[in-house]
């Protein structure tokens, strides 16, 4: 017998692992909401360029990811929708499994963080790849065969053993070990987001992009990335350079779960939705600026993708680096307009 999802569970093809997982949980609890609105309410868009010693450079477009001093996108979304969202961790694999089974046997899907490198349905073409910041929803259980059903970004639902799931949840790979994290939700006080909450969520994103605490973040970080890209050939051998380029491309375009354009396309559509709720027509023009920025980010991803197999990746890197200051200008103007509109 084919393992079936929980009664009432609706599965969607989604754009981003966190917003997609939240949408699955919200829909199960009779709260229809778009991924774009979830991303915007959670103040989830930013920029980071980072290179830890001994690791590849990293370009990311998320913000409010739950780092120290941050509320976290999931809790911020809950606060704006009247849903109590709690994040839990344990270093005990037996406890992590016990809680998971309790949730599923109680009729609730479970939203988990894990290392996608250990999930059996991902194909990394023979290469070892680990990213512990991935989020999925477990929506079905066959305890007899110790299997679960997983809703990820794609179709269809995926089967995985409890053993594979435990390995993914307990991964120690840096820089994002998941620590067996899971979320719980209380929808008893659910409500629609208010106009002021949407404005504050926008303002938080704008502040992070315009007034970052360090130069690796925000608009300043985009400009710093432009300078650093051309230095990559001097920092690593050719094989590592090609791998860095393809990984960066995937983290920018839709393959990496950004919805395309390093989350800027999703954010543009959020602003269109926000315009209807806040009755602020000026958001339409800013939304178009973000859609333009998203297109330019995808152009950068295309150049980095070509670097992976090009005979002369250095020239393509120079082209990519030249795009970033232009993107920074577009974004700085857009974020400043949002800062003024969100007052």
C-alpha atoms as a PDB file:
ATOM      1  CA  UNK A   1       0.000   0.000   0.000  1.00  0.00           C
ATOM      2  CA  UNK A   2       1.363   3.419  -0.983  1.00  0.00           C
ATOM      3  CA  UNK A   3       2.052   5.693   1.960  1.00  0.00           C
ATOM      4  CA  UNK A   4      -0.503   8.508   2.006  1.00  0.00           C
ATOM      5  CA  UNK A   5      -0.164  11.996   3.520  1.00  0.00           C
ATOM      6  CA  UNK A   6      -2.136  13.065   6.572  1.00  0.00           C
ATOM      7  CA  UNK A   7      -5.826  13.631   5.944  1.00  0.00           C
ATOM      8  CA  UNK A   8      -6.309  17.212   4.787  1.00  0.00           C
ATOM      9  CA  UNK A   9      -2.688  17.800   3.796  1.00  0.00           C
ATOM     10  CA  UNK A  10      -2.357  19.809   0.565  1.00  0.00           C
ATOM     11  CA  UNK A  11       0.912  19.603  -1.346  1.00  0.00           C
ATOM     12  CA  UNK A  12       2.216  22.488  -3.449  1.00  0.00           C
ATOM     13  CA  UNK A  13       5.213  23.012  -5.685  1.00  0.00           C
ATOM     14  CA  UNK A  14       7.014  25.817  -3.865  1.00  0.00           C
ATOM     15  CA  UNK A  15       9.777  28.356  -4.439  1.00  0.00           C
ATOM     16  CA  UNK A  16      11.763  28.489  -1.184  1.00  0.00           C
ATOM     17  CA  UNK A  17      12.171  25.744   1.395  1.00  0.00           C
ATOM     18  CA  UNK A  18      11.208  27.871   4.424  1.00  0.00           C
ATOM     19  CA  UNK A  19       8.298  29.793   2.922  1.00  0.00           C
ATOM     20  CA  UNK A  20       7.154  26.653   1.122  1.00  0.00           C
ATOM     21  CA  UNK A  21       7.175  24.642   4.342  1.00  0.00           C
ATOM     22  CA  UNK A  22       5.346  27.426   6.169  1.00  0.00           C
ATOM     23  CA  UNK A  23       2.758  27.543   3.399  1.00  0.00           C
ATOM     24  CA  UNK A  24       2.193  23.790   3.731  1.00  0.00           C
ATOM     25  CA  UNK A  25       1.658  24.094   7.489  1.00  0.00           C
ATOM     26  CA  UNK A  26      -0.535  27.185   7.183  1.00  0.00           C
ATOM     27  CA  UNK A  27      -2.694  25.585   4.471  1.00  0.00           C
ATOM     28  CA  UNK A  28      -3.128  22.451   6.591  1.00  0.00           C
ATOM     29  CA  UNK A  29      -4.463  24.706   9.340  1.00  0.00           C
ATOM     30  CA  UNK A  30      -6.947  26.465   7.020  1.00  0.00           C
ATOM     31  CA  UNK A  31      -4.889  29.625   6.582  1.00  0.00           C
ATOM     32  CA  UNK A  32      -4.312  30.300   2.866  1.00  0.00           C
ATOM     33  CA  UNK A  33      -1.335  32.599   2.333  1.00  0.00           C
ATOM     34  CA  UNK A  34       1.222  33.039  -0.441  1.00  0.00           C
ATOM     35  CA  UNK A  35       4.930  32.331  -0.126  1.00  0.00           C
ATOM     36  CA  UNK A  36       5.591  35.903  -1.188  1.00  0.00           C
ATOM     37  CA  UNK A  37       3.525  37.271   1.706  1.00  0.00           C
ATOM     38  CA  UNK A  38       5.254  34.894   4.112  1.00  0.00           C
ATOM     39  CA  UNK A  39       8.664  36.076   2.907  1.00  0.00           C
ATOM     40  CA  UNK A  40       7.697  39.727   3.252  1.00  0.00           C
ATOM     41  CA  UNK A  41       5.993  39.433   6.650  1.00  0.00           C
ATOM     42  CA  UNK A  42       9.053  37.588   7.892  1.00  0.00           C
ATOM     43  CA  UNK A  43      11.412  40.385   6.762  1.00  0.00           C
ATOM     44  CA  UNK A  44      13.220  37.587   5.001  1.00  0.00           C
ATOM     45  CA  UNK A  45      15.171  39.427   2.288  1.00  0.00           C
ATOM     46  CA  UNK A  46      18.710  40.746   2.640  1.00  0.00           C
ATOM     47  CA  UNK A  47      22.192  40.152   1.314  1.00  0.00           C
ATOM     48  CA  UNK A  48      25.348  38.564   2.670  1.00  0.00           C
ATOM     49  CA  UNK A  49      28.765  37.947   1.179  1.00  0.00           C
ATOM     50  CA  UNK A  50      30.846  35.727   3.402  1.00  0.00           C
ATOM     51  CA  UNK A  51      33.991  33.642   3.255  1.00  0.00           C
ATOM     52  CA  UNK A  52      35.069  31.802   6.355  1.00  0.00           C
ATOM     53  CA  UNK A  53      38.682  30.662   6.559  1.00  0.00           C
ATOM     54  CA  UNK A  54      39.147  27.435   4.636  1.00  0.00           C
ATOM     55  CA  UNK A  55      35.706  27.536   2.987  1.00  0.00           C
ATOM     56  CA  UNK A  56      34.262  28.730  -0.296  1.00  0.00           C
ATOM     57  CA  UNK A  57      32.781  32.227  -0.654  1.00  0.00           C
ATOM     58  CA  UNK A  58      29.051  32.378   0.012  1.00  0.00           C
ATOM     59  CA  UNK A  59      26.471  34.752  -1.497  1.00  0.00           C
ATOM     60  CA  UNK A  60      23.032  34.725   0.093  1.00  0.00           C
ATOM     61  CA  UNK A  61      19.835  36.717  -0.222  1.00  0.00           C
ATOM     62  CA  UNK A  62      18.039  35.818   2.995  1.00  0.00           C
ATOM     63  CA  UNK A  63      17.742  37.881   6.160  1.00  0.00           C
ATOM     64  CA  UNK A  64      16.166  37.362   9.579  1.00  0.00           C
ATOM     65  CA  UNK A  65      17.379  33.769   9.486  1.00  0.00           C
ATOM     66  CA  UNK A  66      17.378  33.352  13.258  1.00  0.00           C
ATOM     67  CA  UNK A  67      21.007  34.262  13.860  1.00  0.00           C
ATOM     68  CA  UNK A  68      21.875  35.702  17.302  1.00  0.00           C
ATOM     69  CA  UNK A  69      19.926  38.894  17.847  1.00  0.00           C
ATOM     70  CA  UNK A  70      17.316  38.049  15.190  1.00  0.00           C
ATOM     71  CA  UNK A  71      13.729  37.033  15.788  1.00  0.00           C
ATOM     72  CA  UNK A  72      13.763  34.672  12.831  1.00  0.00           C
ATOM     73  CA  UNK A  73      11.466  34.726   9.820  1.00  0.00           C
ATOM     74  CA  UNK A  74       9.230  31.931  11.093  1.00  0.00           C
ATOM     75  CA  UNK A  75       8.441  33.662  14.394  1.00  0.00           C
ATOM     76  CA  UNK A  76       8.038  37.043  12.693  1.00  0.00           C
ATOM     77  CA  UNK A  77       5.473  35.556  10.326  1.00  0.00           C
ATOM     78  CA  UNK A  78       3.649  34.027  13.282  1.00  0.00           C
ATOM     79  CA  UNK A  79       3.599  37.328  15.151  1.00  0.00           C
ATOM     80  CA  UNK A  80       2.005  39.067  12.155  1.00  0.00           C
ATOM     81  CA  UNK A  81      -0.623  36.350  11.650  1.00  0.00           C
ATOM     82  CA  UNK A  82      -1.561  35.600  15.258  1.00  0.00           C
ATOM     83  CA  UNK A  83       0.121  32.194  15.128  1.00  0.00           C
ATOM     84  CA  UNK A  84       2.414  31.139  17.958  1.00  0.00           C
ATOM     85  CA  UNK A  85       5.549  29.634  16.382  1.00  0.00           C
ATOM     86  CA  UNK A  86       8.198  27.978  18.521  1.00  0.00           C
ATOM     87  CA  UNK A  87      11.604  26.646  17.468  1.00  0.00           C
ATOM     88  CA  UNK A  88      12.985  23.608  19.301  1.00  0.00           C
ATOM     89  CA  UNK A  89      16.375  21.870  19.268  1.00  0.00           C
ATOM     90  CA  UNK A  90      17.831  18.736  20.770  1.00  0.00           C
ATOM     91  CA  UNK A  91      21.154  16.953  20.468  1.00  0.00           C
ATOM     92  CA  UNK A  92      19.370  13.660  21.202  1.00  0.00           C
ATOM     93  CA  UNK A  93      18.368  11.722  18.083  1.00  0.00           C
ATOM     94  CA  UNK A  94      15.953   9.450  20.051  1.00  0.00           C
ATOM     95  CA  UNK A  95      14.188  12.508  21.493  1.00  0.00           C
ATOM     96  CA  UNK A  96      13.996  14.135  18.057  1.00  0.00           C
ATOM     97  CA  UNK A  97      12.358  11.008  16.635  1.00  0.00           C
ATOM     98  CA  UNK A  98      10.004  10.649  19.615  1.00  0.00           C
ATOM     99  CA  UNK A  99       8.681  14.196  19.182  1.00  0.00           C
ATOM    100  CA  UNK A 100       8.331  13.704  15.419  1.00  0.00           C
ATOM    101  CA  UNK A 101       6.261  10.555  15.898  1.00  0.00           C
ATOM    102  CA  UNK A 102       4.084  12.261  18.503  1.00  0.00           C
ATOM    103  CA  UNK A 103       3.314  15.110  16.104  1.00  0.00           C
ATOM    104  CA  UNK A 104       2.480  12.809  13.199  1.00  0.00           C
ATOM    105  CA  UNK A 105       0.452  10.352  15.283  1.00  0.00           C
ATOM    106  CA  UNK A 106      -1.419  13.384  16.671  1.00  0.00           C
ATOM    107  CA  UNK A 107      -2.430  14.316  13.127  1.00  0.00           C
ATOM    108  CA  UNK A 108      -0.037  17.256  12.679  1.00  0.00           C
ATOM    109  CA  UNK A 109       2.616  17.640   9.958  1.00  0.00           C
ATOM    110  CA  UNK A 110       6.118  18.375  11.243  1.00  0.00           C
ATOM    111  CA  UNK A 111       8.315  21.191   9.914  1.00  0.00           C
ATOM    112  CA  UNK A 112      11.976  20.215  10.317  1.00  0.00           C
ATOM    113  CA  UNK A 113      15.408  21.661   9.559  1.00  0.00           C
ATOM    114  CA  UNK A 114      17.973  19.227   8.178  1.00  0.00           C
ATOM    115  CA  UNK A 115      20.996  18.667   5.938  1.00  0.00           C
ATOM    116  CA  UNK A 116      19.725  18.125   2.403  1.00  0.00           C
ATOM    117  CA  UNK A 117      22.905  16.204   1.573  1.00  0.00           C
ATOM    118  CA  UNK A 118      21.544  13.180   3.429  1.00  0.00           C
ATOM    119  CA  UNK A 119      18.095  13.138   1.809  1.00  0.00           C
ATOM    120  CA  UNK A 120      17.840  10.172  -0.595  1.00  0.00           C
ATOM    121  CA  UNK A 121      15.843  11.976  -3.285  1.00  0.00           C
ATOM    122  CA  UNK A 122      18.432  14.682  -4.002  1.00  0.00           C
ATOM    123  CA  UNK A 123      20.902  14.016  -6.831  1.00  0.00           C
ATOM    124  CA  UNK A 124      24.206  15.840  -6.518  1.00  0.00           C
ATOM    125  CA  UNK A 125      25.708  14.034  -9.522  1.00  0.00           C
ATOM    126  CA  UNK A 126      28.113  11.993  -7.469  1.00  0.00           C
ATOM    127  CA  UNK A 127      29.485  14.947  -5.529  1.00  0.00           C
ATOM    128  CA  UNK A 128      29.212  15.264  -1.784  1.00  0.00           C
ATOM    129  CA  UNK A 129      27.184  18.331  -0.869  1.00  0.00           C
ATOM    130  CA  UNK A 130      25.873  19.461   2.518  1.00  0.00           C
ATOM    131  CA  UNK A 131      23.567  22.286   3.495  1.00  0.00           C
ATOM    132  CA  UNK A 132      22.013  22.082   6.938  1.00  0.00           C
ATOM    133  CA  UNK A 133      19.722  25.075   6.523  1.00  0.00           C
ATOM    134  CA  UNK A 134      17.191  23.159   4.435  1.00  0.00           C
ATOM    135  CA  UNK A 135      13.610  22.936   5.736  1.00  0.00           C
ATOM    136  CA  UNK A 136      10.943  20.364   4.854  1.00  0.00           C
ATOM    137  CA  UNK A 137       7.578  19.143   6.122  1.00  0.00           C
ATOM    138  CA  UNK A 138       7.026  15.526   7.117  1.00  0.00           C
ATOM    139  CA  UNK A 139       3.407  14.791   6.283  1.00  0.00           C
ATOM    140  CA  UNK A 140       3.004  11.013   6.482  1.00  0.00           C
ATOM    141  CA  UNK A 141       4.194   8.056   8.561  1.00  0.00           C
ATOM    142  CA  UNK A 142       4.468   4.291   8.098  1.00  0.00           C
ATOM    143  CA  UNK A 143       5.827   3.121  11.431  1.00  0.00           C
ATOM    144  CA  UNK A 144       5.752  -0.554  10.419  1.00  0.00           C
ATOM    145  CA  UNK A 145       8.308   0.059   7.660  1.00  0.00           C
ATOM    146  CA  UNK A 146       9.860   3.055   9.458  1.00  0.00           C
ATOM    147  CA  UNK A 147       9.223   5.393   6.554  1.00  0.00           C
ATOM    148  CA  UNK A 148       8.006   8.961   6.315  1.00  0.00           C
ATOM    149  CA  UNK A 149       6.534  11.082   3.547  1.00  0.00           C
ATOM    150  CA  UNK A 150       8.227  14.430   2.881  1.00  0.00           C
ATOM    151  CA  UNK A 151       6.878  17.567   1.229  1.00  0.00           C
ATOM    152  CA  UNK A 152       9.747  19.517  -0.317  1.00  0.00           C
ATOM    153  CA  UNK A 153       9.782  22.203  -2.999  1.00  0.00           C
ATOM    154  CA  UNK A 154       9.079  19.848  -5.885  1.00  0.00           C
ATOM    155  CA  UNK A 155       6.602  17.191  -6.919  1.00  0.00           C
ATOM    156  CA  UNK A 156       5.861  14.473  -5.938  1.00  0.00           C
ATOM    157  CA  UNK A 157       5.976  13.756  -2.207  1.00  0.00           C
ATOM    158  CA  UNK A 158       9.130  11.841  -1.253  1.00  0.00           C
ATOM    159  CA  UNK A 159       9.687   8.678   0.764  1.00  0.00           C
ATOM    160  CA  UNK A 160      12.560   8.488   3.234  1.00  0.00           C
ATOM    161  CA  UNK A 161      13.472   6.121   6.034  1.00  0.00           C
ATOM    162  CA  UNK A 162      13.459   7.329   9.611  1.00  0.00           C
ATOM    163  CA  UNK A 163      17.149   6.421   9.701  1.00  0.00           C
ATOM    164  CA  UNK A 164      17.991   8.681   6.732  1.00  0.00           C
ATOM    165  CA  UNK A 165      15.902  11.434   8.271  1.00  0.00           C
ATOM    166  CA  UNK A 166      17.753  11.100  11.584  1.00  0.00           C
ATOM    167  CA  UNK A 167      21.098  11.357   9.798  1.00  0.00           C
ATOM    168  CA  UNK A 168      19.970  14.493   7.974  1.00  0.00           C
ATOM    169  CA  UNK A 169      18.586  16.102  11.131  1.00  0.00           C
ATOM    170  CA  UNK A 170      21.669  15.330  13.208  1.00  0.00           C
ATOM    171  CA  UNK A 171      24.284  16.377  10.646  1.00  0.00           C
ATOM    172  CA  UNK A 172      27.357  18.140  12.031  1.00  0.00           C
ATOM    173  CA  UNK A 173      28.468  19.668   8.726  1.00  0.00           C
ATOM    174  CA  UNK A 174      29.261  23.382   8.912  1.00  0.00           C
ATOM    175  CA  UNK A 175      28.303  26.152   8.525  1.00  0.00           C
ATOM    176  CA  UNK A 176      24.653  25.306   9.287  1.00  0.00           C
ATOM    177  CA  UNK A 177      24.325  22.131  11.383  1.00  0.00           C
ATOM    178  CA  UNK A 178      20.564  21.677  11.970  1.00  0.00           C
ATOM    179  CA  UNK A 179      20.742  20.380  15.576  1.00  0.00           C
ATOM    180  CA  UNK A 180      17.560  18.303  15.058  1.00  0.00           C
ATOM    181  CA  UNK A 181      15.491  21.492  14.883  1.00  0.00           C
ATOM    182  CA  UNK A 182      11.718  21.443  14.557  1.00  0.00           C
ATOM    183  CA  UNK A 183       8.875  23.937  14.814  1.00  0.00           C
ATOM    184  CA  UNK A 184       5.538  23.856  16.590  1.00  0.00           C
ATOM    185  CA  UNK A 185       2.504  25.999  15.743  1.00  0.00           C
ATOM    186  CA  UNK A 186      -0.589  27.195  17.586  1.00  0.00           C
ATOM    187  CA  UNK A 187      -3.230  28.558  15.191  1.00  0.00           C
ATOM    188  CA  UNK A 188      -5.908  29.147  17.829  1.00  0.00           C
ATOM    189  CA  UNK A 189      -5.523  32.951  17.589  1.00  0.00           C
ATOM    190  CA  UNK A 190      -4.836  33.202  13.848  1.00  0.00           C
ATOM    191  CA  UNK A 191      -5.755  36.455  12.110  1.00  0.00           C
ATOM    192  CA  UNK A 192      -4.946  38.535   9.054  1.00  0.00           C
ATOM    193  CA  UNK A 193      -1.820  40.734   9.079  1.00  0.00           C
ATOM    194  CA  UNK A 194      -2.417  44.411   9.814  1.00  0.00           C
ATOM    195  CA  UNK A 195      -1.266  47.356   7.698  1.00  0.00           C
ATOM    196  CA  UNK A 196       1.208  48.576  10.317  1.00  0.00           C
ATOM    197  CA  UNK A 197       2.704  45.103  10.662  1.00  0.00           C
ATOM    198  CA  UNK A 198       3.361  44.985   6.928  1.00  0.00           C
ATOM    199  CA  UNK A 199       4.991  48.418   7.054  1.00  0.00           C
ATOM    200  CA  UNK A 200       7.201  47.405   9.964  1.00  0.00           C
ATOM    201  CA  UNK A 201       8.241  44.191   8.210  1.00  0.00           C
ATOM    202  CA  UNK A 202       9.225  46.218   5.141  1.00  0.00           C
ATOM    203  CA  UNK A 203      11.080  48.731   7.304  1.00  0.00           C
ATOM    204  CA  UNK A 204      13.098  45.986   8.996  1.00  0.00           C
ATOM    205  CA  UNK A 205      14.300  44.693   5.627  1.00  0.00           C
ATOM    206  CA  UNK A 206      15.136  48.194   4.426  1.00  0.00           C
ATOM    207  CA  UNK A 207      17.112  48.942   7.586  1.00  0.00           C
ATOM    208  CA  UNK A 208      19.153  45.765   7.176  1.00  0.00           C
ATOM    209  CA  UNK A 209      19.996  46.619   3.574  1.00  0.00           C
ATOM    210  CA  UNK A 210      20.761  50.307   4.136  1.00  0.00           C
ATOM    211  CA  UNK A 211      22.311  50.268   7.613  1.00  0.00           C
ATOM    212  CA  UNK A 212      24.121  46.926   7.938  1.00  0.00           C
ATOM    213  CA  UNK A 213      26.330  46.364  10.988  1.00  0.00           C
ATOM    214  CA  UNK A 214      29.219  45.198   8.788  1.00  0.00           C
ATOM    215  CA  UNK A 215      30.222  45.833   5.181  1.00  0.00           C
ATOM    216  CA  UNK A 216      29.573  42.216   4.132  1.00  0.00           C
ATOM    217  CA  UNK A 217      25.823  42.756   4.463  1.00  0.00           C
ATOM    218  CA  UNK A 218      23.161  44.786   2.688  1.00  0.00           C
ATOM    219  CA  UNK A 219      23.790  47.071  -0.261  1.00  0.00           C
ATOM    220  CA  UNK A 220      27.353  47.569   0.976  1.00  0.00           C
ATOM    221  CA  UNK A 221      27.786  43.805   0.817  1.00  0.00           C
ATOM    222  CA  UNK A 222      26.697  43.729  -2.832  1.00  0.00           C
ATOM    223  CA  UNK A 223      29.383  46.295  -3.635  1.00  0.00           C
ATOM    224  CA  UNK A 224      31.925  44.306  -1.635  1.00  0.00           C
ATOM    225  CA  UNK A 225      30.990  41.146  -3.534  1.00  0.00           C
ATOM    226  CA  UNK A 226      31.659  43.008  -6.790  1.00  0.00           C
ATOM    227  CA  UNK A 227      35.218  43.656  -5.626  1.00  0.00           C
ATOM    228  CA  UNK A 228      35.779  40.142  -4.320  1.00  0.00           C
ATOM    229  CA  UNK A 229      34.498  38.197  -7.335  1.00  0.00           C
ATOM    230  CA  UNK A 230      37.465  39.250  -9.454  1.00  0.00           C
ATOM    231  CA  UNK A 231      39.804  38.055  -6.696  1.00  0.00           C
ATOM    232  CA  UNK A 232      38.445  34.495  -6.649  1.00  0.00           C
ATOM    233  CA  UNK A 233      40.984  33.158  -9.202  1.00  0.00           C
ATOM    234  CA  UNK A 234      43.799  34.231  -6.848  1.00  0.00           C
ATOM    235  CA  UNK A 235      42.216  32.588  -3.808  1.00  0.00           C
ATOM    236  CA  UNK A 236      41.672  29.035  -5.064  1.00  0.00           C
ATOM    237  CA  UNK A 237      42.685  26.508  -7.676  1.00  0.00           C
ATOM    238  CA  UNK A 238      40.724  26.124 -10.904  1.00  0.00           C
ATOM    239  CA  UNK A 239      38.631  23.172  -9.718  1.00  0.00           C
ATOM    240  CA  UNK A 240      37.575  24.986  -6.561  1.00  0.00           C
ATOM    241  CA  UNK A 241      36.916  28.142  -8.562  1.00  0.00           C
ATOM    242  CA  UNK A 242      34.537  26.337 -10.897  1.00  0.00           C
ATOM    243  CA  UNK A 243      32.768  24.691  -7.970  1.00  0.00           C
ATOM    244  CA  UNK A 244      32.438  28.036  -6.188  1.00  0.00           C
ATOM    245  CA  UNK A 245      30.942  29.621  -9.299  1.00  0.00           C
ATOM    246  CA  UNK A 246      28.304  26.927  -9.836  1.00  0.00           C
ATOM    247  CA  UNK A 247      27.352  26.921  -6.155  1.00  0.00           C
ATOM    248  CA  UNK A 248      26.979  30.708  -6.195  1.00  0.00           C
ATOM    249  CA  UNK A 249      24.843  30.512  -9.331  1.00  0.00           C
ATOM    250  CA  UNK A 250      22.544  27.946  -7.737  1.00  0.00           C
ATOM    251  CA  UNK A 251      22.194  30.060  -4.581  1.00  0.00           C
ATOM    252  CA  UNK A 252      21.066  33.015  -6.734  1.00  0.00           C
ATOM    253  CA  UNK A 253      18.646  31.520  -9.245  1.00  0.00           C
ATOM    254  CA  UNK A 254      15.514  29.437  -8.787  1.00  0.00           C
ATOM    255  CA  UNK A 255      17.417  26.147  -8.493  1.00  0.00           C
ATOM    256  CA  UNK A 256      18.602  27.105  -5.020  1.00  0.00           C
ATOM    257  CA  UNK A 257      15.131  27.919  -3.744  1.00  0.00           C
ATOM    258  CA  UNK A 258      15.183  31.704  -4.056  1.00  0.00           C
ATOM    259  CA  UNK A 259      12.205  31.924  -6.369  1.00  0.00           C
ATOM    260  CA  UNK A 260      14.682  33.349  -8.894  1.00  0.00           C
ATOM    261  CA  UNK A 261      16.738  36.530  -8.691  1.00  0.00           C
ATOM    262  CA  UNK A 262      18.059  36.015  -5.151  1.00  0.00           C
ATOM    263  CA  UNK A 263      14.548  36.399  -3.609  1.00  0.00           C
ATOM    264  CA  UNK A 264      14.086  39.794  -5.293  1.00  0.00           C
ATOM    265  CA  UNK A 265      11.410  38.460  -7.650  1.00  0.00           C
ATOM    266  CA  UNK A 266       9.420  37.036  -4.746  1.00  0.00           C
ATOM    267  CA  UNK A 267       9.829  40.281  -2.813  1.00  0.00           C
ATOM    268  CA  UNK A 268       8.560  42.303  -5.753  1.00  0.00           C
ATOM    269  CA  UNK A 269       5.402  40.202  -5.822  1.00  0.00           C
ATOM    270  CA  UNK A 270       5.065  40.584  -2.050  1.00  0.00           C
ATOM    271  CA  UNK A 271       5.083  44.355  -2.490  1.00  0.00           C
ATOM    272  CA  UNK A 272       2.288  44.028  -5.051  1.00  0.00           C
ATOM    273  CA  UNK A 273       0.228  42.110  -2.492  1.00  0.00           C
ATOM    274  CA  UNK A 274       1.179  44.586   0.231  1.00  0.00           C
ATOM    275  CA  UNK A 275      -0.012  47.452  -1.961  1.00  0.00           C
ATOM    276  CA  UNK A 276      -3.537  46.004  -1.949  1.00  0.00           C
ATOM    277  CA  UNK A 277      -3.603  45.557   1.833  1.00  0.00           C
ATOM    278  CA  UNK A 278      -1.999  48.895   2.754  1.00  0.00           C
ATOM    279  CA  UNK A 279      -3.724  50.908  -0.008  1.00  0.00           C
ATOM    280  CA  UNK A 280      -0.313  52.409  -0.842  1.00  0.00           C
ATOM    281  CA  UNK A 281      -0.139  52.724  -4.675  1.00  0.00           C
ATOM    282  CA  UNK A 282       3.502  53.870  -4.621  1.00  0.00           C
ATOM    283  CA  UNK A 283       4.531  50.318  -3.758  1.00  0.00           C
ATOM    284  CA  UNK A 284       3.766  49.280  -7.340  1.00  0.00           C
ATOM    285  CA  UNK A 285       6.721  51.221  -8.752  1.00  0.00           C
ATOM    286  CA  UNK A 286       9.070  49.855  -6.087  1.00  0.00           C
ATOM    287  CA  UNK A 287       7.812  46.352  -6.809  1.00  0.00           C
ATOM    288  CA  UNK A 288       8.848  46.817 -10.453  1.00  0.00           C
ATOM    289  CA  UNK A 289      12.322  47.879  -9.309  1.00  0.00           C
ATOM    290  CA  UNK A 290      12.686  44.635  -7.376  1.00  0.00           C
ATOM    291  CA  UNK A 291      11.523  42.596 -10.353  1.00  0.00           C
ATOM    292  CA  UNK A 292      14.206  44.370 -12.408  1.00  0.00           C
ATOM    293  CA  UNK A 293      16.812  43.645  -9.733  1.00  0.00           C
ATOM    294  CA  UNK A 294      15.737  39.999  -9.792  1.00  0.00           C
ATOM    295  CA  UNK A 295      16.292  39.835 -13.541  1.00  0.00           C
ATOM    296  CA  UNK A 296      19.777  41.303 -13.150  1.00  0.00           C
ATOM    297  CA  UNK A 297      20.622  38.840 -10.381  1.00  0.00           C
ATOM    298  CA  UNK A 298      19.593  35.999 -12.684  1.00  0.00           C
ATOM    299  CA  UNK A 299      21.935  37.420 -15.324  1.00  0.00           C
ATOM    300  CA  UNK A 300      24.758  37.218 -12.768  1.00  0.00           C
ATOM    301  CA  UNK A 301      23.761  33.632 -11.997  1.00  0.00           C
ATOM    302  CA  UNK A 302      23.879  32.831 -15.718  1.00  0.00           C
ATOM    303  CA  UNK A 303      27.414  34.182 -16.019  1.00  0.00           C
ATOM    304  CA  UNK A 304      28.564  32.250 -12.944  1.00  0.00           C
ATOM    305  CA  UNK A 305      26.913  29.132 -14.333  1.00  0.00           C
ATOM    306  CA  UNK A 306      28.891  29.503 -17.550  1.00  0.00           C
ATOM    307  CA  UNK A 307      32.088  29.870 -15.495  1.00  0.00           C
ATOM    308  CA  UNK A 308      31.646  26.278 -14.336  1.00  0.00           C
ATOM    309  CA  UNK A 309      32.544  24.824 -17.746  1.00  0.00           C
ATOM    310  CA  UNK A 310      34.124  27.754 -19.598  1.00  0.00           C
ATOM    311  CA  UNK A 311      37.675  27.502 -20.888  1.00  0.00           C
ATOM    312  CA  UNK A 312      38.369  30.975 -19.508  1.00  0.00           C
ATOM    313  CA  UNK A 313      36.146  31.500 -16.435  1.00  0.00           C
ATOM    314  CA  UNK A 314      38.117  34.583 -15.371  1.00  0.00           C
ATOM    315  CA  UNK A 315      36.601  36.762 -18.131  1.00  0.00           C
ATOM    316  CA  UNK A 316      33.074  35.719 -17.189  1.00  0.00           C
ATOM    317  CA  UNK A 317      33.810  36.517 -13.546  1.00  0.00           C
ATOM    318  CA  UNK A 318      34.822  40.036 -14.566  1.00  0.00           C
ATOM    319  CA  UNK A 319      31.529  40.408 -16.450  1.00  0.00           C
ATOM    320  CA  UNK A 320      29.577  39.182 -13.419  1.00  0.00           C
ATOM    321  CA  UNK A 321      31.417  41.551 -11.096  1.00  0.00           C
ATOM    322  CA  UNK A 322      30.568  44.493 -13.353  1.00  0.00           C
ATOM    323  CA  UNK A 323      26.846  43.738 -12.996  1.00  0.00           C
ATOM    324  CA  UNK A 324      26.868  43.964  -9.206  1.00  0.00           C
ATOM    325  CA  UNK A 325      27.452  47.732  -8.768  1.00  0.00           C
ATOM    326  CA  UNK A 326      24.515  48.348 -11.126  1.00  0.00           C
ATOM    327  CA  UNK A 327      22.353  45.999  -9.050  1.00  0.00           C
ATOM    328  CA  UNK A 328      23.503  47.785  -5.900  1.00  0.00           C
ATOM    329  CA  UNK A 329      22.330  51.098  -7.367  1.00  0.00           C
ATOM    330  CA  UNK A 330      18.912  49.677  -8.266  1.00  0.00           C
ATOM    331  CA  UNK A 331      18.506  48.132  -4.836  1.00  0.00           C
ATOM    332  CA  UNK A 332      19.737  51.140  -2.884  1.00  0.00           C
ATOM    333  CA  UNK A 333      17.183  53.349  -4.620  1.00  0.00           C
ATOM    334  CA  UNK A 334      14.389  50.809  -4.054  1.00  0.00           C
ATOM    335  CA  UNK A 335      15.212  50.219  -0.393  1.00  0.00           C
ATOM    336  CA  UNK A 336      15.404  53.969   0.301  1.00  0.00           C
ATOM    337  CA  UNK A 337      11.957  54.402  -1.211  1.00  0.00           C
ATOM    338  CA  UNK A 338      10.647  51.590   0.990  1.00  0.00           C
ATOM    339  CA  UNK A 339      12.263  53.189   4.040  1.00  0.00           C
ATOM    340  CA  UNK A 340      10.390  56.410   3.342  1.00  0.00           C
ATOM    341  CA  UNK A 341       7.104  54.664   2.508  1.00  0.00           C
ATOM    342  CA  UNK A 342       7.183  52.520   5.663  1.00  0.00           C
ATOM    343  CA  UNK A 343       7.316  55.455   8.097  1.00  0.00           C
END
